[in-house]
């Protein structure tokens, strides 16, 4: 039966090759698109995980609306001349000590670091830049993020010497400053305070490198008029995949705001879902066209080979045998097209991986394209092409199996 299937396919070589090309193209397209999208996704997720904490604890702040005061005036008709607005709650974490105790007792927590942050202006001669300063405890912060690995000049530990600051590379360039130079900083209406630059970091994240500075926790508290207060607790877990579940668990402790890294970057995950929809849609469209090609080829072959089908049935071939002959043609096309598609997709991905690429979102120079070669991509691509060809072959193959010698002779 396999020999008969191959012989019938070779009888219409051009159509067979055209259909085979469509399957190869669909399989290769899925591999290329998936490799590029998933490769960049993996790189981006890795950057997001390493650049920040797994879970962040901060105070909850709510926007005040006109109905926010209903609890204060129950069963009363209240008409606002000027509706309440703004935010309710403090930017400071009032329950910091309780959180320290909880985090110390939690076996899933690898490390945590208190932080205080605020908006600042930095001055150097005639240059002035707005930025964000984060007060940290150096030996704790380096357990949360790879800040020490980002340092290109100086060190994070030098902050402990007092009146020191670590600047992002982009921010230092905007101010025209180098290591060991002095920058003047002010927060709000307070007087300018001089800080010595003891370190410059390059994280690769342009927004971070161009707008963030790190200082000693106690000094930043004093600079931003937040003495003895903290705004956040950055937490690193032993298992990053538990971040979302851990955030849900900690929300039961009170009204503080708990944010996992997935929730903080939810916009990226929405884009990932859109990318998945696009790549599956494109592949489905290509394989559908290839499937129609198989359907048409088998229909033409069946109509041209009705006499041969009648002969096969008359010498003892059962309907299932005839169905299998034509179904095998679709399977052969699916397997061959899938394998050639895997090879073509792999070779193109190798070429793409060596192409230079510069992302404007990152400041750490140029590099090459990031491509994923995950085995699951290739398995999925092959199974999709095989499934598409089998589905396209079933209808004409079943029709051929139902033909009887008498019906064929009458039709002739």
Protein backbone atom coordinates (compact mmCIF):
# COMPACT_ATOMS: atom_id res chain seq x y z
CA UNK A 1 0.00 0.00 0.00
CA UNK A 2 2.89 2.34 0.74
CA UNK A 3 4.36 1.68 -2.72
CA UNK A 4 0.99 2.37 -4.35
CA UNK A 5 0.72 5.67 -2.43
CA UNK A 6 4.17 6.82 -3.57
CA UNK A 7 3.46 5.87 -7.17
CA UNK A 8 0.23 7.87 -7.25
CA UNK A 9 1.97 10.90 -5.71
CA UNK A 10 4.82 10.78 -8.23
CA UNK A 11 2.31 10.72 -11.08
CA UNK A 12 1.50 14.36 -10.27
CA UNK A 13 4.98 15.53 -9.32
CA UNK A 14 4.55 19.31 -9.73
CA UNK A 15 1.43 19.49 -7.57
CA UNK A 16 3.02 17.25 -4.97
CA UNK A 17 6.15 19.42 -4.79
CA UNK A 18 4.06 22.61 -4.57
CA UNK A 19 2.07 21.20 -1.66
CA UNK A 20 5.25 19.91 -0.02
CA UNK A 21 6.76 23.39 -0.30
CA UNK A 22 3.72 24.88 1.47
CA UNK A 23 4.13 22.46 4.38
CA UNK A 24 7.87 23.16 4.59
CA UNK A 25 7.19 26.90 4.56
CA UNK A 26 4.54 26.67 7.29
CA UNK A 27 6.75 24.55 9.55
CA UNK A 28 9.82 26.72 9.03
CA UNK A 29 7.81 29.91 9.56
CA UNK A 30 6.53 28.66 12.92
CA UNK A 31 10.05 27.74 14.03
CA UNK A 32 11.54 31.08 12.95
CA UNK A 33 8.79 33.24 14.43
CA UNK A 34 8.68 31.21 17.65
CA UNK A 35 12.47 31.14 17.96
CA UNK A 36 12.80 34.92 17.65
CA UNK A 37 9.79 35.83 19.81
CA UNK A 38 10.48 33.28 22.56
CA UNK A 39 14.20 34.06 22.51
CA UNK A 40 13.58 37.75 23.08
CA UNK A 41 10.88 36.92 25.63
CA UNK A 42 13.28 34.75 27.61
CA UNK A 43 15.94 37.46 27.54
CA UNK A 44 13.45 40.14 28.61
CA UNK A 45 12.03 38.03 31.45
CA UNK A 46 15.56 37.29 32.65
CA UNK A 47 16.30 41.02 32.66
CA UNK A 48 13.09 41.77 34.57
CA UNK A 49 13.78 39.09 37.19
CA UNK A 50 17.40 40.10 37.76
CA UNK A 51 16.89 43.86 37.63
CA UNK A 52 14.35 43.96 40.43
CA UNK A 53 13.06 41.99 43.39
CA UNK A 54 10.70 39.03 43.11
CA UNK A 55 8.11 40.55 45.46
CA UNK A 56 7.79 44.15 46.67
CA UNK A 57 6.06 45.21 49.89
CA UNK A 58 4.90 48.85 50.03
CA UNK A 59 2.14 50.93 51.58
CA UNK A 60 -1.28 50.93 49.96
CA UNK A 61 -2.44 54.24 48.49
CA UNK A 62 -5.96 54.63 47.15
CA UNK A 63 -7.49 57.33 44.97
CA UNK A 64 -10.19 59.22 46.88
CA UNK A 65 -13.60 59.46 45.16
CA UNK A 66 -16.88 61.05 46.21
CA UNK A 67 -18.23 57.68 47.41
CA UNK A 68 -15.09 57.00 49.51
CA UNK A 69 -16.66 58.94 52.40
CA UNK A 70 -19.92 56.96 52.51
CA UNK A 71 -18.75 55.05 55.59
CA UNK A 72 -18.31 58.34 57.48
CA UNK A 73 -21.82 59.57 56.63
CA UNK A 74 -24.09 56.49 56.64
CA UNK A 75 -27.74 56.99 55.68
CA UNK A 76 -27.22 60.71 55.11
CA UNK A 77 -27.68 62.82 52.02
CA UNK A 78 -24.33 64.47 51.44
CA UNK A 79 -23.77 66.87 48.56
CA UNK A 80 -20.22 67.93 47.80
CA UNK A 81 -19.56 71.50 46.69
CA UNK A 82 -16.06 70.31 45.86
CA UNK A 83 -15.77 66.49 45.65
CA UNK A 84 -12.85 64.96 47.58
CA UNK A 85 -9.87 63.97 45.47
CA UNK A 86 -6.24 63.00 45.70
CA UNK A 87 -4.91 59.91 47.41
CA UNK A 88 -5.51 58.33 50.78
CA UNK A 89 -2.71 56.67 52.67
CA UNK A 90 0.96 57.33 53.32
CA UNK A 91 3.89 56.54 51.05
CA UNK A 92 5.68 55.14 54.09
CA UNK A 93 5.39 51.56 55.25
CA UNK A 94 4.03 51.75 58.81
CA UNK A 95 4.32 48.01 59.50
CA UNK A 96 7.96 47.57 58.49
CA UNK A 97 9.03 45.92 61.76
CA UNK A 98 6.25 43.33 61.51
CA UNK A 99 7.29 42.55 57.94
CA UNK A 100 10.92 42.05 59.00
CA UNK A 101 9.77 39.43 61.51
CA UNK A 102 7.54 37.68 58.96
CA UNK A 103 10.23 37.59 56.31
CA UNK A 104 12.86 36.30 58.75
CA UNK A 105 10.54 33.45 59.74
CA UNK A 106 9.54 32.53 56.16
CA UNK A 107 11.62 29.61 54.86
CA UNK A 108 10.89 30.54 51.22
CA UNK A 109 12.53 33.96 51.53
CA UNK A 110 16.16 34.07 50.43
CA UNK A 111 16.80 37.73 51.29
CA UNK A 112 15.08 41.07 51.80
CA UNK A 113 16.20 44.67 51.79
CA UNK A 114 14.49 47.82 53.13
CA UNK A 115 14.45 50.79 50.78
CA UNK A 116 13.43 54.43 50.73
CA UNK A 117 12.97 56.28 47.46
CA UNK A 118 12.22 59.82 46.35
CA UNK A 119 12.39 62.22 43.44
CA UNK A 120 15.46 64.44 43.27
CA UNK A 121 17.28 67.01 41.15
CA UNK A 122 20.98 66.58 40.46
CA UNK A 123 23.27 69.52 39.67
CA UNK A 124 26.74 69.70 38.19
CA UNK A 125 27.84 73.13 37.02
CA UNK A 126 25.24 74.36 34.53
CA UNK A 127 23.79 70.85 34.11
CA UNK A 128 20.62 69.85 35.92
CA UNK A 129 18.80 66.51 35.68
CA UNK A 130 15.74 65.06 37.40
CA UNK A 131 16.00 61.53 38.71
CA UNK A 132 15.06 59.02 41.36
CA UNK A 133 17.21 58.14 44.34
CA UNK A 134 16.90 54.82 46.17
CA UNK A 135 18.27 54.44 49.66
CA UNK A 136 19.63 50.95 50.30
CA UNK A 137 21.58 48.84 52.75
CA UNK A 138 24.47 47.77 50.45
CA UNK A 139 25.14 44.29 51.87
CA UNK A 140 21.41 43.49 51.71
CA UNK A 141 20.69 45.03 48.30
CA UNK A 142 23.37 42.99 46.52
CA UNK A 143 21.50 39.85 47.65
CA UNK A 144 18.33 41.10 45.91
CA UNK A 145 19.67 42.42 42.60
CA UNK A 146 23.04 41.97 40.84
CA UNK A 147 23.92 45.64 41.44
CA UNK A 148 27.56 44.74 42.10
CA UNK A 149 27.75 43.03 38.70
CA UNK A 150 26.44 46.19 37.02
CA UNK A 151 29.19 48.38 38.51
CA UNK A 152 31.70 49.50 35.85
CA UNK A 153 33.60 51.94 38.10
CA UNK A 154 33.88 52.06 41.88
CA UNK A 155 31.81 49.79 44.13
CA UNK A 156 28.46 49.53 45.90
CA UNK A 157 30.10 48.86 49.26
CA UNK A 158 31.76 52.30 49.12
CA UNK A 159 28.38 53.85 49.99
CA UNK A 160 29.00 52.86 53.61
CA UNK A 161 31.80 55.46 53.83
CA UNK A 162 29.15 58.18 54.02
CA UNK A 163 28.07 61.02 51.74
CA UNK A 164 28.54 58.78 48.71
CA UNK A 165 26.30 58.01 45.75
CA UNK A 166 26.23 55.49 42.89
CA UNK A 167 24.93 56.84 39.56
CA UNK A 168 23.66 55.18 36.41
CA UNK A 169 26.09 55.53 33.50
CA UNK A 170 23.62 57.49 31.38
CA UNK A 171 22.82 59.90 34.22
CA UNK A 172 26.52 60.48 34.88
CA UNK A 173 27.09 61.27 31.20
CA UNK A 174 24.15 63.70 31.12
CA UNK A 175 25.67 65.55 34.08
CA UNK A 176 29.19 65.36 32.68
CA UNK A 177 30.49 63.59 35.78
CA UNK A 178 33.05 60.86 36.45
CA UNK A 179 34.06 58.72 39.41
CA UNK A 180 35.10 60.64 42.56
CA UNK A 181 33.52 63.88 41.30
CA UNK A 182 30.95 65.78 43.36
CA UNK A 183 27.27 66.12 42.46
CA UNK A 184 24.82 68.40 44.27
CA UNK A 185 21.42 66.94 45.07
CA UNK A 186 18.19 68.43 46.32
CA UNK A 187 14.79 66.92 47.09
CA UNK A 188 11.80 69.26 46.93
CA UNK A 189 12.51 72.71 48.36
CA UNK A 190 15.39 71.59 50.57
CA UNK A 191 18.92 72.91 50.25
CA UNK A 192 21.43 71.25 47.94
CA UNK A 193 23.58 68.55 49.49
CA UNK A 194 26.96 67.49 48.03
CA UNK A 195 27.59 63.80 47.35
CA UNK A 196 30.74 62.16 46.07
CA UNK A 197 30.30 59.70 43.20
CA UNK A 198 31.73 56.41 44.49
CA UNK A 199 30.35 54.17 41.76
CA UNK A 200 28.86 54.12 38.26
CA UNK A 201 26.66 51.25 37.09
CA UNK A 202 25.43 49.99 33.73
CA UNK A 203 22.45 47.65 34.01
CA UNK A 204 21.56 47.59 30.32
CA UNK A 205 18.13 49.06 31.12
CA UNK A 206 18.11 52.55 29.61
CA UNK A 207 15.40 53.89 31.93
CA UNK A 208 17.40 52.73 34.97
CA UNK A 209 20.80 53.88 33.73
CA UNK A 210 19.56 57.34 32.72
CA UNK A 211 17.46 58.18 35.75
CA UNK A 212 18.37 56.31 38.95
CA UNK A 213 20.92 56.83 41.71
CA UNK A 214 21.62 54.74 44.81
CA UNK A 215 22.60 56.06 48.22
CA UNK A 216 22.95 54.83 51.78
CA UNK A 217 19.54 54.25 53.39
CA UNK A 218 20.05 56.59 56.36
CA UNK A 219 21.43 59.39 54.18
CA UNK A 220 18.61 59.18 51.65
CA UNK A 221 16.09 59.23 54.50
CA UNK A 222 17.65 62.46 55.70
CA UNK A 223 17.93 63.92 52.19
CA UNK A 224 14.26 63.30 51.37
CA UNK A 225 12.99 64.26 54.85
CA UNK A 226 11.91 60.69 55.66
CA UNK A 227 14.00 60.04 58.76
CA UNK A 228 13.42 56.58 60.23
CA UNK A 229 10.95 55.65 57.49
CA UNK A 230 11.05 53.25 54.58
CA UNK A 231 8.86 53.12 51.47
CA UNK A 232 9.49 49.56 50.28
CA UNK A 233 10.82 46.17 51.23
CA UNK A 234 12.37 44.30 48.31
CA UNK A 235 12.16 40.52 48.69
CA UNK A 236 13.98 37.76 46.83
CA UNK A 237 12.56 34.23 47.00
CA UNK A 238 14.42 30.95 46.70
CA UNK A 239 12.00 29.94 43.91
CA UNK A 240 11.09 32.81 41.56
CA UNK A 241 8.17 30.80 40.18
CA UNK A 242 6.46 31.11 43.57
CA UNK A 243 6.34 34.92 43.39
CA UNK A 244 2.69 35.23 42.37
CA UNK A 245 1.44 32.68 44.92
CA UNK A 246 3.58 34.23 47.67
CA UNK A 247 2.22 37.70 46.93
CA UNK A 248 -1.35 36.38 47.22
CA UNK A 249 -0.47 34.70 50.52
CA UNK A 250 1.09 37.84 52.02
CA UNK A 251 -1.91 39.98 51.08
CA UNK A 252 -3.84 38.15 53.81
CA UNK A 253 -1.64 39.80 56.47
CA UNK A 254 -3.11 43.28 56.07
CA UNK A 255 -3.76 46.19 53.74
CA UNK A 256 -0.19 46.77 52.60
CA UNK A 257 0.44 46.63 48.87
CA UNK A 258 2.14 43.40 47.76
CA UNK A 259 3.34 43.25 44.16
CA UNK A 260 4.99 40.28 42.46
CA UNK A 261 7.38 40.86 39.57
CA UNK A 262 4.77 39.39 37.19
CA UNK A 263 2.17 41.93 38.32
CA UNK A 264 4.65 44.79 38.15
CA UNK A 265 5.36 43.88 34.52
CA UNK A 266 1.85 42.80 33.49
CA UNK A 267 1.99 44.96 30.34
CA UNK A 268 4.82 42.80 29.01
CA UNK A 269 2.84 39.62 29.59
CA UNK A 270 -0.12 41.11 27.69
CA UNK A 271 2.25 41.68 24.76
CA UNK A 272 3.48 38.07 25.05
CA UNK A 273 -0.10 36.79 24.70
CA UNK A 274 -0.59 38.94 21.59
CA UNK A 275 2.64 37.59 20.12
CA UNK A 276 1.47 34.01 20.70
CA UNK A 277 -1.82 34.74 18.95
CA UNK A 278 0.02 36.25 15.97
CA UNK A 279 2.49 33.39 15.52
CA UNK A 280 -0.18 30.71 15.80
CA UNK A 281 -2.46 32.58 13.39
CA UNK A 282 0.28 32.99 10.78
CA UNK A 283 1.26 29.33 10.97
CA UNK A 284 -2.37 28.20 10.84
CA UNK A 285 -2.95 30.30 7.71
CA UNK A 286 0.07 28.83 5.90
CA UNK A 287 -0.74 25.24 6.91
CA UNK A 288 -4.38 25.71 5.95
CA UNK A 289 -3.34 26.69 2.43
CA UNK A 290 -1.03 23.66 2.30
CA UNK A 291 -3.86 21.47 3.61
CA UNK A 292 -6.17 22.61 0.82
CA UNK A 293 -3.41 21.71 -1.62
CA UNK A 294 -3.31 18.15 -0.26
CA UNK A 295 -7.11 17.96 -0.34
CA UNK A 296 -7.20 19.03 -4.00
CA UNK A 297 -4.39 16.69 -5.03
CA UNK A 298 -6.06 13.66 -3.45
CA UNK A 299 -9.41 14.56 -4.99
CA UNK A 300 -7.83 14.79 -8.45
CA UNK A 301 -5.94 11.51 -7.95
CA UNK A 302 -9.08 9.73 -6.73
CA UNK A 303 -11.11 10.91 -9.73
CA UNK A 304 -8.34 9.89 -12.14
CA UNK A 305 -7.67 6.55 -10.45
CA UNK A 306 -11.22 5.29 -10.04
CA UNK A 307 -10.54 2.35 -12.36
CA UNK A 308 -7.50 1.38 -10.32
CA UNK A 309 -9.61 1.65 -7.16
CA UNK A 310 -12.22 -0.65 -8.73
CA UNK A 311 -9.51 -3.16 -9.62
CA UNK A 312 -8.08 -3.04 -6.09
CA UNK A 313 -11.52 -3.60 -4.60
CA UNK A 314 -12.26 -6.47 -6.99
CA UNK A 315 -9.06 -8.34 -6.10
CA UNK A 316 -9.84 -8.25 -2.39
CA UNK A 317 -8.81 -4.84 -1.03
CA UNK A 318 -11.20 -3.73 1.70
CA UNK A 319 -12.56 -0.15 2.02
CA UNK A 320 -10.16 0.44 4.92
CA UNK A 321 -7.20 -0.58 2.73
CA UNK A 322 -8.17 1.92 0.04
CA UNK A 323 -8.67 4.62 2.67
CA UNK A 324 -5.20 3.86 4.07
CA UNK A 325 -3.57 4.16 0.63
CA UNK A 326 -4.75 7.74 0.21
CA UNK A 327 -4.31 8.62 3.86
CA UNK A 328 -0.68 7.49 3.62
CA UNK A 329 -0.12 10.07 0.89
CA UNK A 330 -1.10 12.86 3.26
CA UNK A 331 1.01 11.38 6.06
CA UNK A 332 4.05 11.09 3.77
CA UNK A 333 3.67 14.72 2.72
CA UNK A 334 3.24 15.78 6.35
CA UNK A 335 6.29 13.87 7.60
CA UNK A 336 8.53 14.91 4.70
CA UNK A 337 7.36 18.52 4.78
CA UNK A 338 7.69 18.65 8.55
CA UNK A 339 11.25 17.28 8.56
CA UNK A 340 12.44 19.57 5.76
CA UNK A 341 10.70 22.46 7.52
CA UNK A 342 12.50 21.67 10.78
CA UNK A 343 15.86 21.69 9.00
CA UNK A 344 15.13 24.90 7.10
CA UNK A 345 13.82 26.66 10.20
CA UNK A 346 16.84 25.58 12.25
CA UNK A 347 19.33 26.82 9.63
CA UNK A 348 17.59 30.18 9.29
CA UNK A 349 17.48 30.57 13.09
CA UNK A 350 21.23 29.94 13.23
CA UNK A 351 21.71 32.71 10.69
CA UNK A 352 19.41 35.11 12.54
CA UNK A 353 21.24 34.44 15.82
CA UNK A 354 24.45 35.83 14.34
CA UNK A 355 22.83 39.05 13.08
CA UNK A 356 23.78 42.27 14.93
CA UNK A 357 20.96 43.87 16.87
CA UNK A 358 20.66 47.00 19.01
CA UNK A 359 17.59 47.57 21.16
CA UNK A 360 16.84 51.25 21.96
CA UNK A 361 15.35 50.17 25.31
CA UNK A 362 18.77 49.02 26.49
CA UNK A 363 21.87 51.13 26.80
CA UNK A 364 24.47 48.37 27.08
CA UNK A 365 25.70 48.61 23.51
CA UNK A 366 24.85 46.37 20.59
CA UNK A 367 24.74 42.61 20.47
CA UNK A 368 23.24 39.84 18.39
CA UNK A 369 19.71 38.55 18.06
CA UNK A 370 18.51 36.24 20.82
CA UNK A 371 16.89 33.11 19.38
CA UNK A 372 15.34 30.22 21.29
CA UNK A 373 16.19 26.67 20.19
CA UNK A 374 13.89 24.99 22.71
CA UNK A 375 13.03 21.41 21.63
CA UNK A 376 9.36 22.08 22.37
CA UNK A 377 9.25 24.55 19.44
CA UNK A 378 10.43 21.89 16.98
CA UNK A 379 8.16 19.17 18.37
CA UNK A 380 5.18 21.50 18.21
CA UNK A 381 6.01 22.60 14.65
CA UNK A 382 6.31 19.01 13.42
CA UNK A 383 3.10 17.87 15.11
CA UNK A 384 1.21 20.85 13.69
CA UNK A 385 2.30 20.12 10.13
CA UNK A 386 1.53 16.42 10.51
CA UNK A 387 -1.89 17.10 12.03
CA UNK A 388 -2.78 19.59 9.28
CA UNK A 389 -1.93 17.12 6.51
CA UNK A 390 -3.74 14.20 8.16
CA UNK A 391 -6.90 16.28 8.65
CA UNK A 392 -6.74 17.46 5.02
CA UNK A 393 -6.33 13.84 3.83
CA UNK A 394 -9.12 12.23 5.83
CA UNK A 395 -12.11 13.51 3.81
CA UNK A 396 -10.90 12.48 0.31
CA UNK A 397 -9.45 9.22 1.70
CA UNK A 398 -12.80 8.31 3.29
CA UNK A 399 -14.54 9.09 0.00
CA UNK A 400 -12.16 6.77 -1.85
CA UNK A 401 -12.74 4.02 0.72
CA UNK A 402 -16.51 4.20 0.25
CA UNK A 403 -16.32 3.73 -3.54
CA UNK A 404 -17.47 0.29 -4.70
CA UNK A 405 -16.56 -1.36 -8.04
CA UNK A 406 -20.23 -1.28 -9.17
CA UNK A 407 -20.54 2.50 -8.51
CA UNK A 408 -17.30 3.14 -10.38
CA UNK A 409 -18.40 1.07 -13.42
CA UNK A 410 -21.79 2.82 -13.47
CA UNK A 411 -20.06 6.20 -13.31
CA UNK A 412 -17.86 5.27 -16.23
